[in-house]
N, C-alpha and C. Protein backbone atom coordinates (compact mmCIF):
# COMPACT_ATOMS: atom_id res chain seq x y z
N UNK A 1 137.76 -83.29 63.88
CA UNK A 1 136.74 -84.31 63.69
C UNK A 1 135.61 -83.71 62.86
N UNK A 2 135.06 -84.51 61.96
CA UNK A 2 134.02 -84.07 61.04
C UNK A 2 132.73 -84.85 61.31
N UNK A 3 131.62 -84.26 60.95
CA UNK A 3 130.32 -84.94 61.08
C UNK A 3 130.04 -85.70 59.78
N UNK A 4 130.32 -86.99 59.79
CA UNK A 4 130.23 -87.78 58.56
C UNK A 4 128.82 -87.80 57.98
N UNK A 5 127.81 -87.72 58.81
CA UNK A 5 126.42 -87.77 58.33
C UNK A 5 126.08 -86.55 57.46
N UNK A 6 126.85 -85.48 57.61
CA UNK A 6 126.61 -84.27 56.82
C UNK A 6 127.24 -84.34 55.44
N UNK A 7 128.15 -85.27 55.22
CA UNK A 7 128.82 -85.37 53.93
C UNK A 7 127.90 -86.03 52.90
N UNK A 8 127.67 -85.34 51.81
CA UNK A 8 126.82 -85.88 50.74
C UNK A 8 127.43 -87.16 50.19
N UNK A 9 128.75 -87.24 50.13
CA UNK A 9 129.41 -88.44 49.62
C UNK A 9 129.07 -89.65 50.49
N UNK A 10 128.98 -89.46 51.80
CA UNK A 10 128.61 -90.56 52.70
C UNK A 10 127.16 -90.97 52.46
N UNK A 11 126.29 -89.97 52.28
CA UNK A 11 124.88 -90.24 52.01
C UNK A 11 124.71 -91.01 50.69
N UNK A 12 125.46 -90.60 49.67
CA UNK A 12 125.41 -91.29 48.37
C UNK A 12 125.96 -92.71 48.50
N UNK A 13 126.99 -92.88 49.31
CA UNK A 13 127.57 -94.21 49.51
C UNK A 13 126.57 -95.13 50.20
N UNK A 14 125.79 -94.61 51.11
CA UNK A 14 124.71 -95.40 51.75
C UNK A 14 123.70 -95.84 50.70
N UNK A 15 123.36 -94.92 49.82
CA UNK A 15 122.44 -95.24 48.72
C UNK A 15 123.02 -96.33 47.83
N UNK A 16 124.31 -96.23 47.56
CA UNK A 16 124.99 -97.24 46.74
C UNK A 16 124.89 -98.62 47.37
N UNK A 17 125.05 -98.70 48.68
CA UNK A 17 124.95 -99.99 49.38
C UNK A 17 123.59 -100.62 49.13
N UNK A 18 122.53 -99.83 49.23
CA UNK A 18 121.18 -100.37 49.01
C UNK A 18 121.02 -100.88 47.59
N UNK A 19 121.51 -100.10 46.63
CA UNK A 19 121.39 -100.50 45.22
C UNK A 19 122.19 -101.78 44.95
N UNK A 20 123.37 -101.86 45.53
CA UNK A 20 124.22 -103.04 45.34
C UNK A 20 123.57 -104.28 45.94
N UNK A 21 123.02 -104.17 47.12
CA UNK A 21 122.35 -105.32 47.74
C UNK A 21 121.17 -105.79 46.89
N UNK A 22 120.44 -104.85 46.32
CA UNK A 22 119.34 -105.23 45.42
C UNK A 22 119.87 -105.94 44.18
N UNK A 23 120.98 -105.45 43.66
CA UNK A 23 121.57 -106.03 42.46
C UNK A 23 122.12 -107.43 42.73
N UNK A 24 122.79 -107.60 43.86
CA UNK A 24 123.38 -108.91 44.14
C UNK A 24 122.31 -109.96 44.44
N UNK A 25 121.10 -109.54 44.72
CA UNK A 25 120.03 -110.53 44.90
C UNK A 25 119.70 -111.23 43.58
N UNK A 26 120.17 -110.66 42.47
CA UNK A 26 119.95 -111.26 41.15
C UNK A 26 121.02 -112.29 40.79
N UNK A 27 122.11 -112.31 41.55
CA UNK A 27 123.21 -113.23 41.30
C UNK A 27 122.84 -114.59 41.89
N UNK A 28 123.19 -115.68 41.21
CA UNK A 28 122.81 -117.02 41.70
C UNK A 28 123.27 -117.28 43.13
N UNK A 29 122.45 -118.02 43.86
CA UNK A 29 122.73 -118.34 45.26
C UNK A 29 124.06 -119.07 45.44
N UNK A 30 124.51 -119.77 44.43
CA UNK A 30 125.78 -120.50 44.56
C UNK A 30 126.95 -119.55 44.79
N UNK A 31 126.76 -118.27 44.48
CA UNK A 31 127.81 -117.27 44.69
C UNK A 31 127.63 -116.53 46.02
N UNK A 32 126.71 -117.00 46.85
CA UNK A 32 126.40 -116.32 48.11
C UNK A 32 127.64 -116.08 48.97
N UNK A 33 128.52 -117.07 49.04
CA UNK A 33 129.71 -116.94 49.88
C UNK A 33 130.95 -116.58 49.07
N UNK A 34 130.75 -116.31 47.79
CA UNK A 34 131.84 -115.92 46.92
C UNK A 34 131.68 -114.47 46.49
N UNK A 35 131.27 -114.29 45.25
CA UNK A 35 131.15 -112.95 44.69
C UNK A 35 130.17 -112.07 45.44
N UNK A 36 129.00 -112.59 45.79
CA UNK A 36 127.98 -111.77 46.45
C UNK A 36 128.54 -111.19 47.75
N UNK A 37 129.15 -112.03 48.53
CA UNK A 37 129.72 -111.58 49.81
C UNK A 37 130.78 -110.52 49.60
N UNK A 38 131.66 -110.75 48.64
CA UNK A 38 132.75 -109.81 48.39
C UNK A 38 132.23 -108.48 47.82
N UNK A 39 131.24 -108.55 46.95
CA UNK A 39 130.64 -107.34 46.37
C UNK A 39 129.99 -106.51 47.48
N UNK A 40 129.19 -107.17 48.31
CA UNK A 40 128.50 -106.46 49.37
C UNK A 40 129.48 -105.84 50.37
N UNK A 41 130.56 -106.58 50.70
CA UNK A 41 131.56 -106.04 51.63
C UNK A 41 132.28 -104.83 51.03
N UNK A 42 132.57 -104.88 49.74
CA UNK A 42 133.23 -103.74 49.10
C UNK A 42 132.32 -102.51 49.13
N UNK A 43 131.04 -102.72 48.88
CA UNK A 43 130.08 -101.60 48.90
C UNK A 43 129.97 -101.01 50.30
N UNK A 44 129.83 -101.86 51.30
CA UNK A 44 129.70 -101.40 52.69
C UNK A 44 130.96 -100.68 53.15
N UNK A 45 132.09 -101.10 52.65
CA UNK A 45 133.37 -100.50 53.03
C UNK A 45 133.45 -99.02 52.66
N UNK A 46 132.75 -98.61 51.64
CA UNK A 46 132.85 -97.22 51.17
C UNK A 46 132.31 -96.25 52.23
N UNK A 47 131.02 -96.33 52.62
CA UNK A 47 130.56 -95.39 53.65
C UNK A 47 131.21 -95.64 55.01
N UNK A 48 131.55 -96.89 55.30
CA UNK A 48 132.17 -97.20 56.59
C UNK A 48 133.52 -96.50 56.73
N UNK A 49 134.31 -96.51 55.68
CA UNK A 49 135.62 -95.86 55.74
C UNK A 49 135.52 -94.34 55.73
N UNK A 50 134.52 -93.82 55.04
CA UNK A 50 134.30 -92.37 55.09
C UNK A 50 133.96 -91.96 56.53
N UNK A 51 133.08 -92.73 57.15
CA UNK A 51 132.68 -92.44 58.53
C UNK A 51 133.86 -92.58 59.49
N UNK A 52 134.60 -93.67 59.36
CA UNK A 52 135.73 -93.90 60.26
C UNK A 52 136.78 -92.81 60.11
N UNK A 53 137.07 -92.46 58.88
CA UNK A 53 138.07 -91.42 58.64
C UNK A 53 137.66 -90.07 59.18
N UNK A 54 136.36 -89.77 59.13
CA UNK A 54 135.89 -88.48 59.62
C UNK A 54 136.10 -88.31 61.12
N UNK A 55 136.22 -89.43 61.81
CA UNK A 55 136.44 -89.39 63.25
C UNK A 55 137.90 -89.30 63.66
N UNK A 56 138.79 -89.28 62.70
CA UNK A 56 140.22 -89.19 63.01
C UNK A 56 140.61 -87.75 63.33
N UNK A 57 141.73 -87.61 63.98
CA UNK A 57 142.14 -86.30 64.49
C UNK A 57 142.63 -85.35 63.41
N UNK A 58 143.25 -85.89 62.37
CA UNK A 58 143.85 -85.01 61.36
C UNK A 58 143.23 -85.26 59.99
N UNK A 59 143.34 -84.25 59.15
CA UNK A 59 142.88 -84.39 57.77
C UNK A 59 143.71 -85.41 57.00
N UNK A 60 144.96 -85.54 57.38
CA UNK A 60 145.83 -86.54 56.72
C UNK A 60 145.27 -87.94 56.98
N UNK A 61 144.90 -88.20 58.22
CA UNK A 61 144.30 -89.50 58.55
C UNK A 61 142.99 -89.69 57.81
N UNK A 62 142.17 -88.64 57.78
CA UNK A 62 140.88 -88.72 57.08
C UNK A 62 141.13 -89.06 55.61
N UNK A 63 142.09 -88.41 55.00
CA UNK A 63 142.40 -88.67 53.58
C UNK A 63 142.83 -90.11 53.35
N UNK A 64 143.53 -90.68 54.31
CA UNK A 64 143.95 -92.09 54.18
C UNK A 64 142.72 -93.00 54.12
N UNK A 65 141.73 -92.72 54.94
CA UNK A 65 140.50 -93.52 54.92
C UNK A 65 139.68 -93.26 53.67
N UNK A 66 139.74 -92.03 53.15
CA UNK A 66 139.08 -91.74 51.88
C UNK A 66 139.74 -92.53 50.75
N UNK A 67 141.06 -92.69 50.82
CA UNK A 67 141.76 -93.52 49.84
C UNK A 67 141.28 -94.97 49.91
N UNK A 68 141.08 -95.47 51.12
CA UNK A 68 140.60 -96.84 51.29
C UNK A 68 139.18 -96.96 50.73
N UNK A 69 138.33 -95.97 51.02
CA UNK A 69 136.97 -95.97 50.48
C UNK A 69 136.98 -95.96 48.95
N UNK A 70 137.87 -95.15 48.41
CA UNK A 70 137.98 -95.07 46.95
C UNK A 70 138.46 -96.39 46.36
N UNK A 71 139.41 -97.01 47.02
CA UNK A 71 139.88 -98.33 46.57
C UNK A 71 138.76 -99.34 46.59
N UNK A 72 137.93 -99.29 47.60
CA UNK A 72 136.78 -100.21 47.68
C UNK A 72 135.80 -99.95 46.54
N UNK A 73 135.66 -98.69 46.15
CA UNK A 73 134.74 -98.39 45.04
C UNK A 73 135.26 -98.97 43.72
N UNK A 74 136.58 -98.96 43.54
CA UNK A 74 137.15 -99.58 42.34
C UNK A 74 137.08 -101.10 42.41
N UNK A 75 137.24 -101.64 43.61
CA UNK A 75 137.07 -103.09 43.78
C UNK A 75 135.64 -103.48 43.43
N UNK A 76 134.68 -102.71 43.92
CA UNK A 76 133.27 -102.96 43.62
C UNK A 76 133.02 -102.95 42.12
N UNK A 77 133.55 -101.96 41.46
CA UNK A 77 133.39 -101.84 40.00
C UNK A 77 133.92 -103.08 39.29
N UNK A 78 135.10 -103.54 39.70
CA UNK A 78 135.70 -104.72 39.09
C UNK A 78 134.87 -105.97 39.33
N UNK A 79 134.41 -106.15 40.55
CA UNK A 79 133.61 -107.35 40.88
C UNK A 79 132.31 -107.38 40.10
N UNK A 80 131.70 -106.23 39.90
CA UNK A 80 130.46 -106.18 39.12
C UNK A 80 130.72 -106.48 37.65
N UNK A 81 131.84 -106.01 37.14
CA UNK A 81 132.21 -106.34 35.76
C UNK A 81 132.41 -107.85 35.61
N UNK A 82 133.02 -108.47 36.63
CA UNK A 82 133.20 -109.92 36.60
C UNK A 82 131.85 -110.64 36.57
N UNK A 83 130.86 -110.08 37.25
CA UNK A 83 129.52 -110.68 37.20
C UNK A 83 128.94 -110.64 35.80
N UNK A 84 129.25 -109.59 35.06
CA UNK A 84 128.82 -109.52 33.66
C UNK A 84 129.59 -110.56 32.84
N UNK A 85 130.90 -110.64 33.07
CA UNK A 85 131.73 -111.62 32.36
C UNK A 85 131.23 -113.04 32.57
N UNK A 86 130.72 -113.31 33.77
CA UNK A 86 130.23 -114.65 34.12
C UNK A 86 128.75 -114.83 33.78
N UNK A 87 128.17 -113.82 33.14
CA UNK A 87 126.76 -113.82 32.72
C UNK A 87 125.77 -113.92 33.89
N UNK A 88 126.18 -113.41 35.06
CA UNK A 88 125.28 -113.34 36.20
C UNK A 88 124.42 -112.08 36.13
N UNK A 89 124.98 -111.03 35.52
CA UNK A 89 124.29 -109.75 35.36
C UNK A 89 124.53 -109.26 33.94
N UNK A 90 123.66 -108.35 33.50
CA UNK A 90 123.88 -107.74 32.19
C UNK A 90 124.54 -106.38 32.38
N UNK A 91 125.14 -105.89 31.32
CA UNK A 91 125.76 -104.57 31.38
C UNK A 91 124.71 -103.51 31.70
N UNK A 92 123.51 -103.72 31.21
CA UNK A 92 122.41 -102.78 31.47
C UNK A 92 122.08 -102.74 32.97
N UNK A 93 122.19 -103.89 33.64
CA UNK A 93 121.94 -103.94 35.08
C UNK A 93 122.91 -103.06 35.86
N UNK A 94 124.12 -102.92 35.32
CA UNK A 94 125.18 -102.21 36.04
C UNK A 94 125.12 -100.69 35.88
N UNK A 95 124.42 -100.21 34.88
CA UNK A 95 124.47 -98.77 34.56
C UNK A 95 124.16 -97.88 35.76
N UNK A 96 123.05 -98.08 36.48
CA UNK A 96 122.80 -97.17 37.62
C UNK A 96 123.86 -97.26 38.71
N UNK A 97 124.36 -98.47 38.96
CA UNK A 97 125.38 -98.65 39.99
C UNK A 97 126.68 -97.99 39.56
N UNK A 98 127.06 -98.19 38.31
CA UNK A 98 128.30 -97.60 37.82
C UNK A 98 128.25 -96.07 37.86
N UNK A 99 127.11 -95.51 37.47
CA UNK A 99 126.98 -94.05 37.47
C UNK A 99 127.09 -93.50 38.89
N UNK A 100 126.41 -94.12 39.84
CA UNK A 100 126.47 -93.68 41.22
C UNK A 100 127.87 -93.87 41.80
N UNK A 101 128.48 -95.00 41.49
CA UNK A 101 129.83 -95.29 41.98
C UNK A 101 130.83 -94.27 41.43
N UNK A 102 130.73 -93.93 40.16
CA UNK A 102 131.65 -92.95 39.59
C UNK A 102 131.43 -91.57 40.19
N UNK A 103 130.18 -91.24 40.49
CA UNK A 103 129.90 -89.97 41.16
C UNK A 103 130.56 -89.93 42.54
N UNK A 104 130.49 -91.04 43.25
CA UNK A 104 131.11 -91.13 44.57
C UNK A 104 132.63 -91.02 44.46
N UNK A 105 133.22 -91.66 43.46
CA UNK A 105 134.67 -91.56 43.27
C UNK A 105 135.09 -90.10 43.07
N UNK A 106 134.33 -89.38 42.27
CA UNK A 106 134.63 -87.96 42.03
C UNK A 106 134.47 -87.14 43.30
N UNK A 107 133.44 -87.46 44.07
CA UNK A 107 133.19 -86.72 45.31
C UNK A 107 134.29 -86.99 46.33
N UNK A 108 134.75 -88.21 46.39
CA UNK A 108 135.86 -88.54 47.30
C UNK A 108 137.11 -87.75 46.90
N UNK A 109 137.38 -87.71 45.60
CA UNK A 109 138.53 -86.95 45.11
C UNK A 109 138.40 -85.47 45.50
N UNK A 110 137.23 -84.89 45.30
CA UNK A 110 137.01 -83.48 45.63
C UNK A 110 137.14 -83.22 47.13
N UNK A 111 136.62 -84.12 47.93
CA UNK A 111 136.73 -83.98 49.38
C UNK A 111 138.19 -84.03 49.81
N UNK A 112 138.95 -84.94 49.22
CA UNK A 112 140.38 -85.03 49.54
C UNK A 112 141.10 -83.73 49.17
N UNK A 113 140.76 -83.18 48.02
CA UNK A 113 141.38 -81.92 47.59
C UNK A 113 141.08 -80.80 48.60
N UNK A 114 139.84 -80.75 49.05
CA UNK A 114 139.44 -79.73 50.03
C UNK A 114 140.16 -79.94 51.36
N UNK A 115 140.24 -81.17 51.81
CA UNK A 115 140.92 -81.46 53.07
C UNK A 115 142.42 -81.14 53.00
N UNK A 116 143.02 -81.40 51.86
CA UNK A 116 144.46 -81.14 51.69
C UNK A 116 144.77 -79.65 51.68
N UNK A 117 143.80 -78.82 51.29
CA UNK A 117 144.01 -77.37 51.30
C UNK A 117 143.97 -76.81 52.71
N UNK A 118 143.23 -77.50 53.59
CA UNK A 118 143.10 -77.00 54.97
C UNK A 118 144.23 -77.49 55.76
């Protein structure tokens, strides 16, 4: 079992959630139960799965949850791109989120590599 609060990737994922919630407040209210909800759920899923996986008994199980977290980060990226396609957000709006999200993806990959060695 691992202490998820000590993982920098989990801390960064928490930060990502805050940034995403601020960003989705710019999306029209008519998308409240559509894109906004799905975007926010994908963002929340990242730190939640890192935390859940850290509580599993084996590194293999932890890696499975890291895969789910990583999948959610790619889902988030896609949903935000769709917001640009629909002219709800600008590409410039996405830059900080995309940079943080890509950093988290790399950190998840590195953590998985470390866990697989142990």
